[in-house]
């Protein structure tokens, strides 16, 4: 197996696929929202065991999802 090919031996690059990234972002945000609801329901037991940072993790996940949606919307234009 060779790691490098001459330009004459290379096959042409495939055409890029058109995808809708918003679906992936929305599914991820929905999962973070479900996790946030679960953490809020069990916030007292989680806090006693030192896992209160999970609340911040869920919130950061949602914020990053919103940022990704805004970025993908601007990139589409």
C-alpha atoms as a PDB file:
ATOM      1  CA  UNK A   1       0.000   0.000   0.000  1.00  0.00           C
ATOM      2  CA  UNK A   2       1.406   3.373  -1.017  1.00  0.00           C
ATOM      3  CA  UNK A   3       0.672   6.548   0.863  1.00  0.00           C
ATOM      4  CA  UNK A   4       1.378   8.969  -1.965  1.00  0.00           C
ATOM      5  CA  UNK A   5       0.070   8.851  -5.516  1.00  0.00           C
ATOM      6  CA  UNK A   6       1.181  10.779  -8.528  1.00  0.00           C
ATOM      7  CA  UNK A   7      -1.336  13.284  -9.846  1.00  0.00           C
ATOM      8  CA  UNK A   8      -1.761  11.194 -12.974  1.00  0.00           C
ATOM      9  CA  UNK A   9      -2.735   8.139 -10.878  1.00  0.00           C
ATOM     10  CA  UNK A  10      -5.337   9.898  -8.760  1.00  0.00           C
ATOM     11  CA  UNK A  11      -9.038   9.575  -9.399  1.00  0.00           C
ATOM     12  CA  UNK A  12     -10.991  12.847  -9.473  1.00  0.00           C
ATOM     13  CA  UNK A  13     -12.500  14.068  -6.225  1.00  0.00           C
ATOM     14  CA  UNK A  14     -16.204  13.290  -5.791  1.00  0.00           C
ATOM     15  CA  UNK A  15     -18.686  16.131  -5.992  1.00  0.00           C
ATOM     16  CA  UNK A  16     -19.585  17.539  -2.558  1.00  0.00           C
ATOM     17  CA  UNK A  17     -22.919  16.429  -1.144  1.00  0.00           C
ATOM     18  CA  UNK A  18     -25.576  18.967  -0.316  1.00  0.00           C
ATOM     19  CA  UNK A  19     -26.734  18.360   3.241  1.00  0.00           C
ATOM     20  CA  UNK A  20     -29.083  20.015   5.655  1.00  0.00           C
ATOM     21  CA  UNK A  21     -27.111  20.482   8.857  1.00  0.00           C
ATOM     22  CA  UNK A  22     -30.065  22.023  10.635  1.00  0.00           C
ATOM     23  CA  UNK A  23     -31.627  18.602  11.180  1.00  0.00           C
ATOM     24  CA  UNK A  24     -28.567  17.357  13.044  1.00  0.00           C
ATOM     25  CA  UNK A  25     -28.408  20.543  15.123  1.00  0.00           C
ATOM     26  CA  UNK A  26     -32.107  20.362  16.010  1.00  0.00           C
ATOM     27  CA  UNK A  27     -31.877  16.699  17.028  1.00  0.00           C
ATOM     28  CA  UNK A  28     -28.864  17.474  19.194  1.00  0.00           C
ATOM     29  CA  UNK A  29     -30.634  20.413  20.796  1.00  0.00           C
ATOM     30  CA  UNK A  30     -33.692  18.253  21.493  1.00  0.00           C
ATOM     31  CA  UNK A  31     -31.486  15.698  23.243  1.00  0.00           C
ATOM     32  CA  UNK A  32     -29.836  18.436  25.326  1.00  0.00           C
ATOM     33  CA  UNK A  33     -33.280  19.776  26.223  1.00  0.00           C
ATOM     34  CA  UNK A  34     -34.419  16.326  27.377  1.00  0.00           C
ATOM     35  CA  UNK A  35     -31.243  16.010  29.443  1.00  0.00           C
ATOM     36  CA  UNK A  36     -31.839  19.484  30.917  1.00  0.00           C
ATOM     37  CA  UNK A  37     -35.376  18.569  31.979  1.00  0.00           C
ATOM     38  CA  UNK A  38     -34.094  15.356  33.586  1.00  0.00           C
ATOM     39  CA  UNK A  39     -31.372  17.246  35.432  1.00  0.00           C
ATOM     40  CA  UNK A  40     -33.811  19.904  36.660  1.00  0.00           C
ATOM     41  CA  UNK A  41     -36.147  17.180  37.957  1.00  0.00           C
ATOM     42  CA  UNK A  42     -33.315  15.511  39.869  1.00  0.00           C
ATOM     43  CA  UNK A  43     -31.322  18.623  40.783  1.00  0.00           C
ATOM     44  CA  UNK A  44     -31.453  18.043  44.559  1.00  0.00           C
ATOM     45  CA  UNK A  45     -30.026  14.490  44.537  1.00  0.00           C
ATOM     46  CA  UNK A  46     -27.455  15.464  41.928  1.00  0.00           C
ATOM     47  CA  UNK A  47     -26.354  18.433  44.024  1.00  0.00           C
ATOM     48  CA  UNK A  48     -25.860  16.300  47.122  1.00  0.00           C
ATOM     49  CA  UNK A  49     -23.594  13.932  45.182  1.00  0.00           C
ATOM     50  CA  UNK A  50     -21.600  16.730  43.538  1.00  0.00           C
ATOM     51  CA  UNK A  51     -23.060  16.529  40.048  1.00  0.00           C
ATOM     52  CA  UNK A  52     -24.671  19.963  39.894  1.00  0.00           C
ATOM     53  CA  UNK A  53     -22.297  20.848  37.034  1.00  0.00           C
ATOM     54  CA  UNK A  54     -24.492  18.704  34.763  1.00  0.00           C
ATOM     55  CA  UNK A  55     -27.000  21.573  34.692  1.00  0.00           C
ATOM     56  CA  UNK A  56     -24.403  23.902  33.223  1.00  0.00           C
ATOM     57  CA  UNK A  57     -23.344  21.255  30.721  1.00  0.00           C
ATOM     58  CA  UNK A  58     -26.889  20.933  29.406  1.00  0.00           C
ATOM     59  CA  UNK A  59     -27.250  24.701  29.149  1.00  0.00           C
ATOM     60  CA  UNK A  60     -23.941  25.024  27.292  1.00  0.00           C
ATOM     61  CA  UNK A  61     -25.057  22.265  24.906  1.00  0.00           C
ATOM     62  CA  UNK A  62     -28.229  24.197  24.115  1.00  0.00           C
ATOM     63  CA  UNK A  63     -26.328  27.468  23.643  1.00  0.00           C
ATOM     64  CA  UNK A  64     -23.870  25.812  21.281  1.00  0.00           C
ATOM     65  CA  UNK A  65     -26.778  24.299  19.342  1.00  0.00           C
ATOM     66  CA  UNK A  66     -28.358  27.731  18.903  1.00  0.00           C
ATOM     67  CA  UNK A  67     -25.005  29.145  17.799  1.00  0.00           C
ATOM     68  CA  UNK A  68     -24.629  26.327  15.279  1.00  0.00           C
ATOM     69  CA  UNK A  69     -28.110  27.011  13.887  1.00  0.00           C
ATOM     70  CA  UNK A  70     -27.333  30.717  13.490  1.00  0.00           C
ATOM     71  CA  UNK A  71     -24.009  29.902  11.833  1.00  0.00           C
ATOM     72  CA  UNK A  72     -25.571  27.431   9.397  1.00  0.00           C
ATOM     73  CA  UNK A  73     -28.331  29.896   8.521  1.00  0.00           C
ATOM     74  CA  UNK A  74     -25.803  32.646   7.767  1.00  0.00           C
ATOM     75  CA  UNK A  75     -23.650  30.228   5.789  1.00  0.00           C
ATOM     76  CA  UNK A  76     -26.595  29.181   3.615  1.00  0.00           C
ATOM     77  CA  UNK A  77     -27.085  32.765   2.425  1.00  0.00           C
END
